[in-house]
Amino acid sequence: MEISDIKNQVKAYPVSFGAGFLSLLLGAYLYFTLGSLSDLEIQRDDLEHELRILKSNFDEGSTIEADLEALKEKFVGVDAMLVDSDQIADNNDYFYRLGEQLPIDITSVSQRNVVLQNANPAEGEIWTLKNYSVVPVEMEIVGLLNDMLDFLYELDQCERFTKVREFELVISNDREPGYMKMELNLNVLGHPQT
């Protein structure tokens, strides 16, 4: 078959050849775009999923202010339970009584805000307490160096678990020579009341 024969066939049956050519073009178009259509459907499904999540978050977020107020009320209740004036007085009196056993002067004891702590067993701390509170205490002590070291030893041996975070030791100018002043910052471990 030669080219002139093909031209004669096209002239004799133009509709058949036109339809065949269009079907060939349509088949090629579908072949090359079918994969991208399924990708577009997947992207549409992903976007619909993200839209549902955003709507859910928006619906849940509309009550966030009320949840925040309820949480603040709970914290006020916990603070009132752990840091009431009687408890602070007992804590301060404990340290003053401890200081009376040694020839030192405790000039001030002040308790700071209680910090609630939770041990995390997932980090391998299985022998730590599950719930406890840390009571930061600041103290000022005046005495001889050996007596202050004895006081630190008594803190280490006392019934309440205490940990000295930092201290500053300076010469006391308002007492006779040899006296020093120590400012202590320590943490006292306490169980919250149930």
Protein backbone atom coordinates (compact mmCIF):
# COMPACT_ATOMS: atom_id res chain seq x y z
CA MET A 1 0.00 0.00 0.00
CA GLU A 2 1.35 3.33 -1.03
CA ILE A 3 0.70 6.83 0.19
CA SER A 4 -1.62 7.62 -2.73
CA ASP A 5 -3.78 4.62 -1.79
CA ILE A 6 -4.04 5.90 1.81
CA LYS A 7 -5.06 9.35 0.56
CA ASN A 8 -7.77 7.80 -1.65
CA GLN A 9 -9.10 5.74 1.31
CA VAL A 10 -9.26 8.85 3.55
CA LYS A 11 -11.17 10.74 0.80
CA ALA A 12 -13.57 7.84 0.33
CA TYR A 13 -14.29 7.33 4.10
CA PRO A 14 -13.52 10.65 5.87
CA VAL A 15 -15.83 10.09 8.86
CA SER A 16 -14.37 6.67 9.67
CA PHE A 17 -10.81 7.91 9.57
CA GLY A 18 -11.76 11.05 11.62
CA ALA A 19 -13.48 8.94 14.29
CA GLY A 20 -10.57 6.51 14.41
CA PHE A 21 -8.08 9.35 14.77
CA LEU A 22 -10.16 10.97 17.57
CA SER A 23 -10.47 7.66 19.42
CA LEU A 24 -6.69 7.23 19.15
CA LEU A 25 -6.17 10.72 20.62
CA LEU A 26 -8.69 10.07 23.41
CA GLY A 27 -7.02 6.76 24.28
CA ALA A 28 -3.59 8.45 24.46
CA TYR A 29 -5.03 11.25 26.63
CA LEU A 30 -6.63 8.78 29.05
CA TYR A 31 -3.50 6.66 29.16
CA PHE A 32 -1.27 9.58 30.14
CA THR A 33 -3.70 11.34 32.53
CA LEU A 34 -5.25 8.37 34.35
CA GLY A 35 -2.35 8.15 36.83
CA SER A 36 -2.55 11.84 37.68
CA LEU A 37 -6.31 11.58 38.32
CA SER A 38 -5.78 8.98 41.02
CA ASP A 39 -3.07 11.21 42.56
CA LEU A 40 -5.52 14.12 42.58
CA GLU A 41 -8.13 11.95 44.29
CA ILE A 42 -5.62 10.98 46.98
CA GLN A 43 -4.72 14.65 47.51
CA ARG A 44 -8.42 15.53 47.74
CA ASP A 45 -8.96 12.82 50.37
CA ASP A 46 -5.95 14.10 52.36
CA LEU A 47 -7.26 17.66 52.24
CA GLU A 48 -10.72 16.53 53.36
CA HIS A 49 -9.11 14.67 56.29
CA GLU A 50 -7.11 17.75 57.30
CA LEU A 51 -10.24 19.88 57.03
CA ARG A 52 -12.10 17.51 59.39
CA ILE A 53 -9.21 17.73 61.89
CA LEU A 54 -9.17 21.53 61.70
CA LYS A 55 -12.93 21.68 62.23
CA SER A 56 -12.66 19.33 65.20
CA ASN A 57 -9.86 21.42 66.72
CA PHE A 58 -11.86 24.59 66.19
CA ASP A 59 -14.92 23.06 67.85
CA GLU A 60 -12.85 21.87 70.82
CA GLY A 61 -10.98 25.17 71.02
CA SER A 62 -14.16 27.15 71.51
CA THR A 63 -14.28 25.91 75.14
CA ILE A 64 -10.61 26.55 75.88
CA GLU A 65 -11.22 29.72 77.92
CA ALA A 66 -13.63 27.91 80.23
CA ASP A 67 -11.14 25.04 80.59
CA LEU A 68 -8.38 27.53 81.41
CA GLU A 69 -10.48 29.17 84.13
CA ALA A 70 -11.30 25.77 85.66
CA LEU A 71 -7.59 24.88 85.62
CA LYS A 72 -6.68 28.16 87.34
CA GLU A 73 -9.24 27.44 90.07
CA LYS A 74 -7.70 24.02 90.64
CA PHE A 75 -4.22 25.55 90.98
CA VAL A 76 -5.51 28.08 93.50
CA GLY A 77 -6.96 25.18 95.49
CA VAL A 78 -3.69 23.24 95.38
CA ASP A 79 -1.68 26.31 96.41
CA ALA A 80 -4.06 26.96 99.30
CA MET A 81 -3.71 23.35 100.41
CA LEU A 82 0.09 23.21 100.22
CA VAL A 83 0.97 26.77 101.24
CA ASP A 84 -1.29 27.91 104.03
CA SER A 85 -0.08 30.14 106.85
CA ASP A 86 -0.12 27.36 109.47
CA GLN A 87 2.03 25.11 107.27
CA ILE A 88 4.51 27.92 106.59
CA ALA A 89 4.72 28.62 110.33
CA ASP A 90 5.35 24.91 111.03
CA ASN A 91 8.06 24.77 108.35
CA ASN A 92 9.81 27.89 109.69
CA ASP A 93 9.54 26.67 113.29
CA TYR A 94 11.11 23.36 112.26
CA PHE A 95 14.26 25.11 111.05
CA TYR A 96 14.43 27.42 114.07
CA ARG A 97 14.19 24.40 116.40
CA LEU A 98 16.90 22.64 114.40
CA GLY A 99 19.12 25.72 114.80
CA GLU A 100 18.54 25.84 118.58
CA GLN A 101 20.50 22.60 118.94
CA LEU A 102 23.69 24.36 117.82
CA PRO A 103 25.40 27.63 118.84
CA ILE A 104 24.25 29.50 115.72
CA ASP A 105 21.71 32.24 115.12
CA ILE A 106 19.14 31.77 112.40
CA THR A 107 18.28 35.35 111.53
CA SER A 108 15.65 34.61 108.89
CA VAL A 109 13.74 31.74 107.31
CA SER A 110 11.40 32.31 104.42
CA GLN A 111 9.50 29.87 102.28
CA ARG A 112 8.96 30.49 98.59
CA ASN A 113 6.22 29.21 96.28
CA VAL A 114 5.72 25.47 96.33
CA VAL A 115 6.61 23.66 93.11
CA LEU A 116 4.65 20.49 92.32
CA GLN A 117 6.80 17.75 90.85
CA ASN A 118 5.96 14.43 89.22
CA ALA A 119 8.58 11.77 88.81
CA ASN A 120 8.54 10.24 85.35
CA PRO A 121 8.81 6.43 85.59
CA ALA A 122 9.30 6.30 81.81
CA GLU A 123 12.72 7.85 82.30
CA GLY A 124 13.83 4.99 84.54
CA GLU A 125 13.03 6.76 87.82
CA ILE A 126 11.03 3.85 89.20
CA TRP A 127 12.29 4.29 92.77
CA THR A 128 11.34 7.96 93.04
CA LEU A 129 8.15 9.24 94.59
CA LYS A 130 5.17 9.41 92.27
CA ASN A 131 3.88 12.79 93.52
CA TYR A 132 5.66 15.25 95.75
CA SER A 133 6.13 18.96 96.21
CA VAL A 134 9.33 20.92 96.52
CA VAL A 135 9.29 23.73 99.07
CA PRO A 136 12.05 26.26 98.36
CA VAL A 137 13.37 27.83 101.57
CA GLU A 138 15.80 30.71 102.03
CA MET A 139 17.68 31.04 105.30
CA GLU A 140 20.27 33.33 106.82
CA ILE A 141 22.54 31.98 109.54
CA VAL A 142 25.20 33.69 111.66
CA GLY A 143 27.81 31.73 113.59
CA LEU A 144 31.27 30.26 113.59
CA LEU A 145 32.34 28.28 110.55
CA ASN A 146 32.49 24.92 112.37
CA ASP A 147 29.03 25.47 113.85
CA MET A 148 27.58 26.30 110.43
CA LEU A 149 29.13 23.16 108.97
CA ASP A 150 27.54 21.21 111.84
CA PHE A 151 24.20 22.82 110.92
CA LEU A 152 24.61 21.68 107.29
CA TYR A 153 25.34 18.18 108.57
CA GLU A 154 22.18 18.29 110.72
CA LEU A 155 20.18 19.38 107.66
CA ASP A 156 21.52 16.38 105.80
CA GLN A 157 20.61 14.03 108.67
CA CYS A 158 17.20 15.48 109.54
CA GLU A 159 13.87 13.70 109.11
CA ARG A 160 12.81 15.91 106.24
CA PHE A 161 14.62 15.42 102.99
CA THR A 162 16.47 18.64 102.22
CA LYS A 163 18.85 19.55 99.44
CA VAL A 164 21.00 22.66 99.50
CA ARG A 165 20.73 24.34 96.10
CA GLU A 166 23.24 27.11 96.77
CA PHE A 167 24.80 29.05 99.60
CA GLU A 168 26.91 32.12 100.09
CA LEU A 169 29.34 32.49 102.97
CA VAL A 170 30.67 35.93 103.98
CA ILE A 171 32.42 37.40 107.00
CA SER A 172 29.92 38.96 109.39
CA ASN A 173 30.86 42.57 110.13
CA ASP A 174 28.21 43.12 112.82
CA ARG A 175 29.59 40.41 115.18
CA GLU A 176 32.93 39.74 116.84
CA PRO A 177 35.81 38.42 114.70
CA GLY A 178 35.47 34.83 113.47
CA TYR A 179 31.73 34.98 112.95
CA MET A 180 30.40 34.43 109.47
CA LYS A 181 27.06 34.84 107.76
CA MET A 182 25.67 32.14 105.46
CA GLU A 183 22.75 32.59 103.10
CA LEU A 184 21.22 29.23 102.17
CA ASN A 185 18.79 28.32 99.40
CA LEU A 186 17.47 24.81 99.89
CA ASN A 187 14.68 22.57 98.72
CA VAL A 188 12.58 20.62 101.19
CA LEU A 189 10.78 17.62 99.78
CA GLY A 190 7.23 17.27 101.02
CA HIS A 191 4.26 15.04 100.28
CA PRO A 192 1.13 16.89 99.22
CA GLN A 193 -1.84 16.50 101.53
CA THR A 194 -4.49 14.07 100.34
